[in-house]
Protein backbone atom coordinates (compact mmCIF):
# COMPACT_ATOMS: atom_id res chain seq x y z
CA MET A 1 -32.00 40.56 -27.21
CA LEU A 2 -29.85 37.84 -25.64
CA LEU A 3 -28.38 36.78 -29.01
CA ALA A 4 -27.24 40.27 -29.95
CA LYS A 5 -23.54 40.37 -30.95
CA LEU A 6 -23.26 36.58 -30.53
CA GLU A 7 -23.65 35.74 -34.21
CA GLU A 8 -20.41 33.74 -34.33
CA ILE A 9 -20.85 31.90 -31.02
CA PRO A 10 -23.00 28.76 -30.66
CA VAL A 11 -25.73 29.24 -28.03
CA HIS A 12 -27.73 26.52 -26.28
CA PHE A 13 -30.96 27.04 -24.29
CA GLU A 14 -31.03 24.01 -22.01
CA ASN A 15 -34.46 24.47 -20.42
CA ALA A 16 -36.38 26.01 -23.30
CA GLY A 17 -40.09 25.24 -23.51
CA GLU A 18 -42.61 25.74 -26.28
CA PRO A 19 -43.01 29.53 -25.71
CA GLN A 20 -39.24 30.03 -25.86
CA LEU A 21 -39.03 27.94 -29.03
CA ARG A 22 -41.69 30.05 -30.73
CA LEU A 23 -39.80 33.19 -29.75
CA LEU A 24 -36.49 31.80 -31.03
CA VAL A 25 -38.04 30.88 -34.39
CA GLU A 26 -39.48 34.37 -34.71
CA ARG A 27 -36.26 36.17 -33.79
CA LEU A 28 -33.89 33.96 -35.77
CA ASN A 29 -35.97 34.29 -38.92
CA SER A 30 -35.28 38.02 -38.80
CA GLN A 31 -31.47 37.83 -38.55
CA GLN A 32 -28.44 36.15 -40.07
CA ARG A 33 -26.35 33.79 -37.89
CA LEU A 34 -23.03 32.12 -38.58
CA SER A 35 -23.28 29.69 -35.65
CA PRO A 36 -26.17 27.47 -34.57
CA VAL A 37 -28.64 28.00 -31.75
CA SER A 38 -29.94 24.87 -30.04
CA THR A 39 -32.36 23.98 -27.25
CA GLY A 40 -32.86 21.07 -24.87
CA TRP A 41 -36.54 20.60 -25.71
CA ASN A 42 -37.65 16.96 -26.25
CA PRO A 43 -39.68 16.70 -29.49
CA LEU A 44 -41.39 13.47 -28.40
CA SER A 45 -43.33 15.47 -25.82
CA ASN A 46 -45.37 17.12 -28.59
CA LEU A 47 -44.81 15.83 -32.13
CA ASP A 48 -47.38 18.21 -33.65
CA PHE A 49 -45.57 21.23 -32.26
CA ALA A 50 -42.24 19.71 -33.35
CA ALA A 51 -43.51 19.50 -36.93
CA GLU A 52 -44.66 23.12 -36.73
CA VAL A 53 -41.25 24.26 -35.51
CA ILE A 54 -39.41 22.38 -38.28
CA ALA A 55 -41.67 23.95 -40.91
CA THR A 56 -40.90 27.49 -39.76
CA ALA A 57 -37.42 27.30 -38.18
CA PRO A 58 -34.36 28.75 -39.95
CA SER A 59 -31.38 26.51 -40.67
CA ALA A 60 -29.42 28.14 -37.83
CA LEU A 61 -31.77 26.60 -35.25
CA LEU A 62 -31.33 23.06 -33.92
CA PRO A 63 -34.55 23.05 -31.92
CA PHE A 64 -34.62 19.56 -30.35
CA THR A 65 -32.49 17.35 -28.12
CA LEU A 66 -32.82 13.64 -27.46
CA ARG A 67 -31.00 12.66 -24.28
CA GLY A 68 -29.05 9.44 -24.26
CA GLU A 69 -27.42 10.69 -21.04
CA GLU A 70 -30.59 9.89 -19.10
CA PHE A 71 -30.16 6.22 -19.97
CA GLU A 72 -26.47 6.07 -18.99
CA GLU A 73 -27.15 7.74 -15.65
CA SER A 74 -30.04 5.35 -15.01
CA GLY A 75 -27.76 2.33 -15.39
CA ALA A 76 -27.74 1.59 -19.12
CA THR A 77 -24.77 -0.11 -20.75
CA ALA A 78 -23.14 1.54 -23.76
CA VAL A 79 -25.09 -0.84 -26.02
CA GLU A 80 -28.41 0.00 -24.37
CA GLU A 81 -27.69 3.72 -24.39
CA VAL A 82 -27.16 3.91 -28.14
CA GLY A 83 -29.99 1.43 -28.82
CA PHE A 84 -32.55 3.30 -26.71
CA THR A 85 -31.49 6.70 -28.06
CA LEU A 86 -31.70 5.48 -31.65
CA ALA A 87 -35.15 3.99 -30.96
CA ALA A 88 -36.31 7.36 -29.60
CA ALA A 89 -34.92 9.12 -32.69
CA ILE A 90 -36.65 6.65 -35.00
CA ASP A 91 -39.94 7.33 -33.24
CA PHE A 92 -39.36 11.03 -33.88
CA MET A 93 -38.54 10.47 -37.54
CA ALA A 94 -41.61 8.26 -37.98
CA GLY A 95 -43.77 10.93 -36.33
CA MET A 96 -42.41 13.57 -38.69
CA GLN A 97 -42.98 11.29 -41.68
CA GLU A 98 -46.63 10.90 -40.66
CA ARG A 99 -46.90 14.71 -40.58
CA ASN A 100 -45.34 15.05 -44.06
CA VAL A 101 -42.13 16.65 -42.78
CA ASP A 102 -39.13 16.25 -45.09
CA ALA A 103 -36.73 13.59 -43.74
CA ASP A 104 -33.68 15.78 -44.30
CA ARG A 105 -35.23 18.69 -42.41
CA ALA A 106 -36.32 16.40 -39.57
CA ALA A 107 -32.91 14.75 -39.23
CA ALA A 108 -31.13 18.11 -39.25
CA SER A 109 -33.27 19.44 -36.40
CA ILE A 110 -32.02 17.06 -33.68
CA TYR A 111 -29.17 17.31 -31.22
CA PHE A 112 -28.17 14.15 -29.33
CA SER A 113 -26.82 14.40 -25.81
CA PHE A 114 -24.77 11.60 -24.25
CA SER A 115 -23.16 11.09 -20.87
CA ILE A 116 -19.54 9.89 -21.02
CA GLY A 117 -18.59 7.34 -18.39
CA ALA A 118 -15.36 5.82 -17.14
CA ASN A 119 -14.82 2.92 -19.55
CA PHE A 120 -12.45 4.88 -21.79
CA PHE A 121 -12.47 2.88 -25.03
CA PHE A 122 -16.13 1.88 -24.84
CA GLN A 123 -17.15 5.52 -24.42
CA ILE A 124 -15.15 6.51 -27.50
CA ALA A 125 -16.64 3.64 -29.49
CA LYS A 126 -20.15 4.45 -28.26
CA LEU A 127 -20.23 7.81 -30.02
CA ARG A 128 -18.59 6.42 -33.16
CA ALA A 129 -21.11 3.57 -33.28
CA PHE A 130 -24.08 5.88 -32.81
CA ARG A 131 -23.03 8.04 -35.75
CA MET A 132 -23.08 5.00 -38.04
CA MET A 133 -26.40 3.77 -36.67
CA TRP A 134 -28.06 7.17 -37.01
CA ALA A 135 -26.82 7.57 -40.60
CA GLN A 136 -28.31 4.20 -41.51
CA ALA A 137 -31.61 5.09 -39.83
CA VAL A 138 -31.88 8.44 -41.64
CA GLU A 139 -31.16 6.85 -45.01
CA SER A 140 -33.90 4.28 -44.32
CA PHE A 141 -36.36 7.21 -44.02
CA GLY A 142 -35.21 8.54 -47.39
CA GLY A 143 -32.83 11.17 -46.06
CA ARG A 144 -29.63 12.09 -47.83
CA ARG A 145 -26.22 11.17 -46.48
CA GLU A 146 -25.40 14.87 -45.97
CA SER A 147 -28.30 15.30 -43.54
CA ALA A 148 -27.53 12.07 -41.68
CA LYS A 149 -24.63 13.54 -39.71
CA ALA A 150 -25.40 13.26 -36.00
CA HIS A 151 -24.97 16.42 -33.94
CA ILE A 152 -23.64 15.12 -30.61
CA HIS A 153 -23.17 16.83 -27.28
CA ALA A 154 -21.27 14.95 -24.59
CA ARG A 155 -21.27 15.55 -20.85
CA THR A 156 -19.03 14.05 -18.19
CA SER A 157 -20.96 11.48 -16.19
CA ARG A 158 -22.80 12.42 -13.00
CA TRP A 159 -22.86 8.75 -12.01
CA ASN A 160 -19.08 8.70 -11.55
CA GLU A 161 -18.86 11.72 -9.24
CA THR A 162 -17.89 11.27 -5.59
CA ILE A 163 -18.21 13.50 -2.53
CA TYR A 164 -15.17 11.95 -0.81
CA ALA A 165 -11.79 12.55 -2.45
CA SER A 166 -13.75 14.91 -4.68
CA ARG A 167 -10.65 16.25 -6.43
CA ALA A 168 -10.47 12.86 -8.13
CA ASN A 169 -13.55 14.05 -10.04
CA ILE A 170 -11.21 16.38 -11.93
CA LEU A 171 -9.24 13.39 -13.21
CA ARG A 172 -12.42 11.49 -14.04
CA GLY A 173 -13.77 14.49 -15.93
CA THR A 174 -10.52 14.82 -17.88
CA THR A 175 -10.48 11.23 -19.14
CA GLU A 176 -14.21 11.39 -19.89
CA ALA A 177 -13.69 14.58 -21.89
CA MET A 178 -10.89 12.87 -23.81
CA SER A 179 -13.25 10.00 -24.65
CA ALA A 180 -15.78 12.53 -25.95
CA VAL A 181 -13.14 14.24 -28.12
CA PHE A 182 -11.84 10.97 -29.55
CA GLY A 183 -15.43 9.82 -30.13
CA GLY A 184 -16.14 12.90 -32.25
CA ALA A 185 -18.49 14.92 -30.04
CA ASP A 186 -19.43 18.32 -31.50
CA SER A 187 -19.64 19.97 -28.10
CA ILE A 188 -18.62 18.95 -24.58
CA THR A 189 -19.55 19.91 -21.04
CA VAL A 190 -17.07 19.12 -18.28
CA ALA A 191 -18.85 19.24 -14.93
CA PRO A 192 -17.27 21.08 -11.97
CA TYR A 193 -15.75 18.56 -9.59
CA ASP A 194 -17.93 19.70 -6.68
CA GLU A 195 -21.33 19.88 -8.37
CA CYS A 196 -22.51 16.61 -6.82
CA TYR A 197 -22.41 17.95 -3.28
CA LYS A 198 -22.74 21.76 -3.44
CA THR A 199 -23.28 24.69 -5.76
CA PRO A 200 -20.06 24.91 -7.79
CA ASP A 201 -17.86 27.87 -6.91
CA GLU A 202 -15.78 30.04 -9.22
CA THR A 203 -12.67 27.90 -8.76
CA SER A 204 -14.35 24.60 -9.66
CA ARG A 205 -16.14 26.14 -12.64
CA ARG A 206 -12.90 27.60 -13.90
CA MET A 207 -11.10 24.27 -13.54
CA ALA A 208 -13.88 22.58 -15.52
CA ARG A 209 -13.58 25.13 -18.33
CA ASN A 210 -9.80 24.95 -18.31
CA THR A 211 -9.91 21.18 -18.67
CA GLN A 212 -11.36 21.61 -22.15
CA ILE A 213 -9.02 24.48 -23.01
CA ILE A 214 -5.93 22.48 -22.01
CA LEU A 215 -7.08 19.44 -24.01
CA LYS A 216 -7.71 21.63 -27.04
CA GLN A 217 -4.88 24.16 -26.99
CA GLU A 218 -2.11 22.34 -25.11
CA ALA A 219 -2.79 18.66 -25.75
CA LEU A 220 -3.89 19.63 -29.30
CA LEU A 221 -6.67 17.05 -29.37
CA SER A 222 -8.66 19.17 -31.83
CA ARG A 223 -6.02 18.81 -34.55
CA VAL A 224 -7.14 15.35 -35.74
CA ALA A 225 -10.65 14.57 -36.97
CA ASP A 226 -10.73 10.91 -35.91
CA PRO A 227 -7.77 9.92 -33.73
CA GLY A 228 -9.09 6.38 -33.35
CA ALA A 229 -9.38 5.63 -37.06
CA GLY A 230 -7.61 2.40 -37.89
CA SER A 231 -7.24 1.29 -34.30
CA TYR A 232 -8.09 -2.41 -34.21
CA CYS A 233 -9.27 -2.19 -30.60
CA LEU A 234 -11.61 0.75 -31.24
CA GLU A 235 -12.91 -0.63 -34.52
CA VAL A 236 -13.81 -3.97 -32.92
CA ILE A 237 -15.59 -2.29 -29.99
CA THR A 238 -17.35 0.14 -32.34
CA ASP A 239 -18.55 -2.75 -34.49
CA PHE A 240 -19.75 -4.66 -31.41
CA ILE A 241 -21.69 -1.69 -29.98
CA SER A 242 -23.28 -0.83 -33.31
CA ARG A 243 -24.38 -4.41 -34.01
CA GLU A 244 -25.72 -5.05 -30.50
CA GLY A 245 -27.22 -1.57 -30.24
CA TRP A 246 -29.06 -2.14 -33.51
CA LYS A 247 -30.50 -5.34 -32.05
CA VAL A 248 -31.70 -3.41 -28.99
CA MET A 249 -33.39 -0.89 -31.28
CA GLN A 250 -35.01 -3.67 -33.32
CA GLY A 251 -36.35 -5.24 -30.14
CA ILE A 252 -37.99 -1.96 -29.18
CA GLU A 253 -39.43 -1.55 -32.65
CA ALA A 254 -40.85 -5.07 -32.47
CA ALA A 255 -42.52 -4.10 -29.19
CA GLY A 256 -44.31 -1.20 -30.87
CA GLY A 257 -41.72 1.55 -30.82
CA TYR A 258 -39.92 3.62 -28.25
CA GLN A 259 -42.85 5.54 -26.79
CA LYS A 260 -44.90 2.38 -26.36
CA ALA A 261 -41.93 0.60 -24.77
CA VAL A 262 -41.62 3.46 -22.29
CA LYS A 263 -45.35 3.37 -21.54
CA ASP A 264 -45.30 -0.40 -21.07
CA GLY A 265 -42.32 -0.20 -18.74
CA LEU A 266 -39.96 -2.21 -20.96
CA ILE A 267 -37.25 0.48 -20.95
CA ALA A 268 -37.54 0.92 -17.18
CA GLN A 269 -37.23 -2.84 -16.62
CA ALA A 270 -34.10 -3.06 -18.75
CA LEU A 271 -32.55 -0.06 -16.98
CA GLU A 272 -33.40 -1.46 -13.56
CA LYS A 273 -31.66 -4.73 -14.40
CA SER A 274 -28.56 -3.00 -15.76
CA LEU A 275 -28.42 -0.59 -12.83
CA ALA A 276 -28.61 -3.47 -10.35
CA ALA A 277 -25.67 -5.17 -12.10
CA ARG A 278 -23.67 -1.94 -12.13
CA GLU A 279 -24.35 -1.20 -8.45
CA GLU A 280 -23.46 -4.78 -7.48
CA ALA A 281 -20.11 -4.35 -9.23
CA VAL A 282 -19.50 -1.20 -7.20
CA SER A 283 -20.62 -2.65 -3.87
CA SER A 284 -18.39 -5.71 -4.37
CA ARG A 285 -15.49 -3.43 -5.41
CA ARG A 286 -15.13 -5.00 -8.83
CA ARG A 287 -15.84 -1.45 -10.05
CA ILE A 288 -13.51 0.81 -8.07
CA PHE A 289 -13.89 4.45 -7.08
CA THR A 290 -10.51 5.58 -5.79
CA GLY A 291 -10.84 7.51 -2.55
CA THR A 292 -14.26 6.08 -1.73
CA SER A 293 -14.50 2.32 -2.25
CA GLN A 294 -10.73 1.80 -2.41
CA HIS A 295 -7.82 3.72 -0.87
CA ALA A 296 -10.17 5.90 1.17
CA ILE A 297 -8.69 8.51 3.51
CA PHE A 298 -10.48 7.55 6.72
CA SER A 299 -9.77 10.93 8.34
CA GLU A 300 -11.48 12.94 5.58
CA LYS A 301 -14.66 14.69 6.71
CA VAL A 302 -17.30 16.19 4.41
CA LEU A 303 -20.32 16.71 6.66
CA ASP A 304 -19.73 20.45 7.06
CA ARG A 305 -19.33 21.16 3.33
CA ILE A 306 -22.08 19.25 1.56
CA ASP A 307 -25.62 20.17 0.57
CA PHE A 308 -27.71 17.04 1.12
CA SER A 309 -30.29 18.13 -1.44
CA ARG A 310 -27.58 17.95 -4.12
CA VAL A 311 -26.03 14.75 -2.75
CA SER A 312 -29.34 12.91 -3.08
CA ALA A 313 -30.47 14.63 -6.30
CA GLY A 314 -29.30 11.96 -8.75
CA ARG A 315 -27.97 8.44 -9.06
CA ARG A 316 -24.28 8.01 -8.33
CA GLY A 317 -22.25 4.85 -8.08
CA THR A 318 -20.74 5.56 -4.67
CA ARG A 319 -24.03 6.31 -2.91
CA LEU A 320 -23.96 3.26 -0.60
CA TYR A 321 -20.33 3.79 0.43
CA GLU A 322 -20.99 7.45 1.09
CA GLN A 323 -23.95 6.59 3.29
CA LEU A 324 -21.63 4.44 5.42
CA ARG A 325 -19.08 7.23 5.82
CA LEU A 326 -21.73 9.86 6.51
CA ARG A 327 -23.34 7.65 9.16
CA THR A 328 -20.03 7.52 11.01
CA GLU A 329 -19.52 11.27 10.62
CA ARG A 330 -22.99 12.10 11.92
CA HIS A 331 -22.48 9.77 14.88
CA VAL A 332 -19.26 11.56 15.83
CA ALA A 333 -20.78 15.02 15.22
CA GLN A 334 -23.58 14.16 17.64
CA GLY A 335 -21.08 13.35 20.37
CA GLY A 336 -20.54 9.66 19.74
CA LYS A 337 -17.19 7.93 19.61
CA ASN A 338 -15.60 6.96 16.33
CA PRO A 339 -14.75 3.26 16.72
CA ARG A 340 -11.02 2.63 16.92
CA VAL A 341 -10.02 -0.35 14.78
CA LEU A 342 -6.61 -1.87 15.44
CA MET A 343 -4.74 -3.73 12.70
CA ALA A 344 -2.65 -6.01 14.92
CA GLU A 345 0.31 -7.12 12.79
CA ILE A 346 2.13 -10.14 14.18
CA GLY A 347 4.03 -13.18 12.92
CA ASP A 348 4.88 -13.84 9.27
CA ALA A 349 6.29 -10.57 7.89
CA LYS A 350 4.89 -10.92 4.38
CA MET A 351 1.37 -11.98 5.34
CA ARG A 352 0.94 -9.57 8.24
CA SER A 353 1.72 -6.52 6.07
CA ALA A 354 -0.46 -7.62 3.16
CA ARG A 355 -3.43 -8.43 5.37
CA SER A 356 -3.04 -5.27 7.43
CA ASN A 357 -3.10 -3.13 4.30
CA PHE A 358 -6.13 -5.00 2.96
CA ALA A 359 -8.09 -4.73 6.22
CA ALA A 360 -7.22 -1.05 6.72
CA ASN A 361 -8.33 -0.29 3.17
CA PHE A 362 -11.56 -2.20 3.85
CA PHE A 363 -12.47 -0.48 7.14
CA ALA A 364 -11.48 2.97 5.87
CA CYS A 365 -14.54 2.84 3.60
CA ALA A 366 -16.70 3.31 6.72
CA GLY A 367 -14.60 6.17 8.10
CA PHE A 368 -13.52 4.34 11.25
CA ASP A 369 -10.49 5.50 13.23
CA LEU A 370 -7.73 3.15 12.07
CA VAL A 371 -4.45 2.21 13.69
CA ALA A 372 -1.92 -0.27 12.31
CA LYS A 373 0.66 -1.51 14.81
CA ARG A 374 3.21 -4.31 14.92
CA PHE A 375 3.23 -6.64 17.94
CA THR A 376 5.43 -9.42 19.30
CA SER A 377 3.01 -11.00 21.77
CA ALA A 378 -0.70 -11.68 22.31
CA ASP A 379 -0.81 -9.98 25.71
CA ARG A 380 0.22 -6.64 24.21
CA ILE A 381 -2.50 -6.95 21.58
CA ALA A 382 -5.08 -7.64 24.30
CA ALA A 383 -3.91 -4.66 26.32
CA SER A 384 -4.24 -2.23 23.37
CA ASP A 385 -6.79 0.58 23.37
CA ALA A 386 -9.17 -0.52 20.60
CA ASP A 387 -12.88 -1.06 20.01
CA LEU A 388 -12.19 -3.76 17.43
CA ILE A 389 -9.08 -5.88 16.93
CA VAL A 390 -8.18 -7.23 13.50
CA LEU A 391 -5.53 -9.94 13.66
CA CYS A 392 -3.19 -9.74 10.69
CA SER A 393 -0.97 -12.79 10.35
CA SER A 394 -0.63 -16.05 8.39
CA ASP A 395 -3.23 -18.84 8.26
CA ALA A 396 -0.95 -21.26 10.11
CA GLU A 397 -0.53 -18.88 13.06
CA TYR A 398 -4.13 -17.73 13.46
CA LEU A 399 -5.61 -20.49 15.65
CA ALA A 400 -3.00 -20.30 18.40
CA LEU A 401 -2.80 -16.52 18.18
CA ALA A 402 -6.56 -15.89 18.29
CA THR A 403 -7.05 -18.34 21.13
CA ASP A 404 -4.35 -16.62 23.15
CA VAL A 405 -5.59 -13.06 22.45
CA ILE A 406 -9.19 -13.89 23.31
CA ALA A 407 -8.15 -15.65 26.51
CA ARG A 408 -6.10 -12.64 27.60
CA LEU A 409 -9.00 -10.28 26.78
CA LYS A 410 -11.26 -12.35 29.04
CA ALA A 411 -8.63 -12.25 31.78
CA LEU A 412 -8.64 -8.46 31.51
CA LYS A 413 -12.48 -8.53 31.55
CA ARG A 414 -12.64 -6.83 28.18
CA GLU A 415 -15.20 -7.67 25.49
CA THR A 416 -13.34 -6.26 22.52
CA PRO A 417 -14.39 -8.19 19.37
CA VAL A 418 -11.63 -9.96 17.46
CA ILE A 419 -11.68 -10.33 13.68
CA VAL A 420 -9.30 -12.34 11.53
CA ALA A 421 -7.97 -10.86 8.27
CA GLY A 422 -8.32 -13.74 5.83
CA TYR A 423 -10.36 -16.92 5.51
CA PRO A 424 -8.19 -19.76 6.83
CA ASP A 425 -9.02 -23.47 6.78
CA SER A 426 -9.34 -23.41 10.57
CA ILE A 427 -12.38 -21.14 10.44
CA GLU A 428 -14.61 -23.45 12.50
CA GLN A 429 -12.01 -23.78 15.27
CA LEU A 430 -11.48 -20.01 15.22
CA GLN A 431 -15.21 -19.38 15.58
CA ALA A 432 -15.33 -21.84 18.46
CA ALA A 433 -12.46 -19.97 20.09
CA GLY A 434 -14.47 -16.75 19.94
CA VAL A 435 -13.41 -15.01 16.72
CA ALA A 436 -16.27 -12.68 15.81
CA ASP A 437 -15.80 -12.38 12.05
CA PHE A 438 -13.48 -12.69 9.06
CA VAL A 439 -12.58 -9.99 6.55
CA HIS A 440 -11.34 -11.23 3.18
CA LEU A 441 -11.68 -10.81 -0.57
CA ARG A 442 -15.12 -12.44 -0.66
CA SER A 443 -16.53 -10.23 2.10
CA LYS A 444 -19.36 -7.97 0.92
CA PRO A 445 -18.15 -4.52 1.98
CA ILE A 446 -21.48 -2.71 2.36
CA GLU A 447 -23.16 -5.46 4.38
CA PHE A 448 -20.04 -6.21 6.41
CA LEU A 449 -19.30 -2.60 7.34
CA ALA A 450 -22.94 -1.75 8.09
CA LYS A 451 -23.08 -4.74 10.44
CA TRP A 452 -19.97 -3.62 12.30
CA GLN A 453 -21.14 -0.04 12.49
CA GLN A 454 -24.22 -1.29 14.31
CA ARG A 455 -22.26 -3.62 16.60
CA LEU A 456 -19.86 -0.83 17.51
CA GLY A 457 -22.68 1.59 18.29
CA VAL A 458 -22.61 3.75 15.15
CA LYS A 459 -26.21 4.51 14.24
CA ASP A 460 -28.10 7.18 12.31
């Protein structure tokens, strides 16, 4: 049997179905275990069978899992995640009450699984808040305080993973694992850094395992039960999430309960709205992914090392940026030219450098070939080998400079587009002079870069 000689090691069957649960109940009733066995089976899929399992299962078996992680990875805020998960758990408890299952036994049969995102303190507070909310819910069903302890599994977020600068996923996974530890998770999964774009190899799996080992045995994070206790910041956030999450749960209850809210589409509508807000923050670069939406390495190529079935398998925050980069890569792989974008630095020393860095960082997100060069005259800019020229100077110098560069390009019979880095007051005069576009803080990166990909001949 699989569990032989594993009496002291917790075991989890992620994809167990009803037949596997019946077998586990049968086998575990015939042996003594010191550590729990759990499964990923959702009890709301068959409440009658869930009641049957609880009635016959030994105490070593935690047969059910309710997945808050599905909400987080579908766009939910921390408040919505704990509110929706609690509502699902209350539906389960109510179903067991209708079937005359003891509240203590029902509460002790559930594992909760959460995805841990990037907002460090909110993710810590999320788990702490849920424990309080679940304890209050169990007591309202008549359960004892001892049985109201939430069993929580935490997993590093899939939504935060990137296929470009993928080693940054190791850092993301580390901070997310720390949030889970500080939040009091009973078990943690750190995802391999490359799982979002290919089958993880031995090295990435080992690094994921070692992340937990280092945090436990070298950083000694397991030595303190609640590292955040007494922290004003964490206590305030915990209180906020618990209060607002309780309101979310009450709203679902008022609508007829979790399962009815799912059937009526209320949960999906809320998630769609939250996901749209989250994706807008990413696309506008208010939410930054280092190496993808900011500080991208334009020369990095991933086309030959990714499995597209895995890349498109789930929701991830950088999806739109990655589509831009991959479009450029495919264009080049099919024999097309990677557009050469010149950051033409001229004039005011302070402004030219700042705007050159900003524009280069902006265009790198599309994987264009970038060159930054300092010039002393407009004719040298016009004579440069580039598919797109970005003028990087001060507002006061732009009108005369752009007019001169565009005139010299026409004299050379070249149709190279000219863009201005910034949004000066002379924008109308610059447009009249022939400036094609402006790149600045209010530019929408995805729309802007997709437009220039098309204009420069980069197509799928």
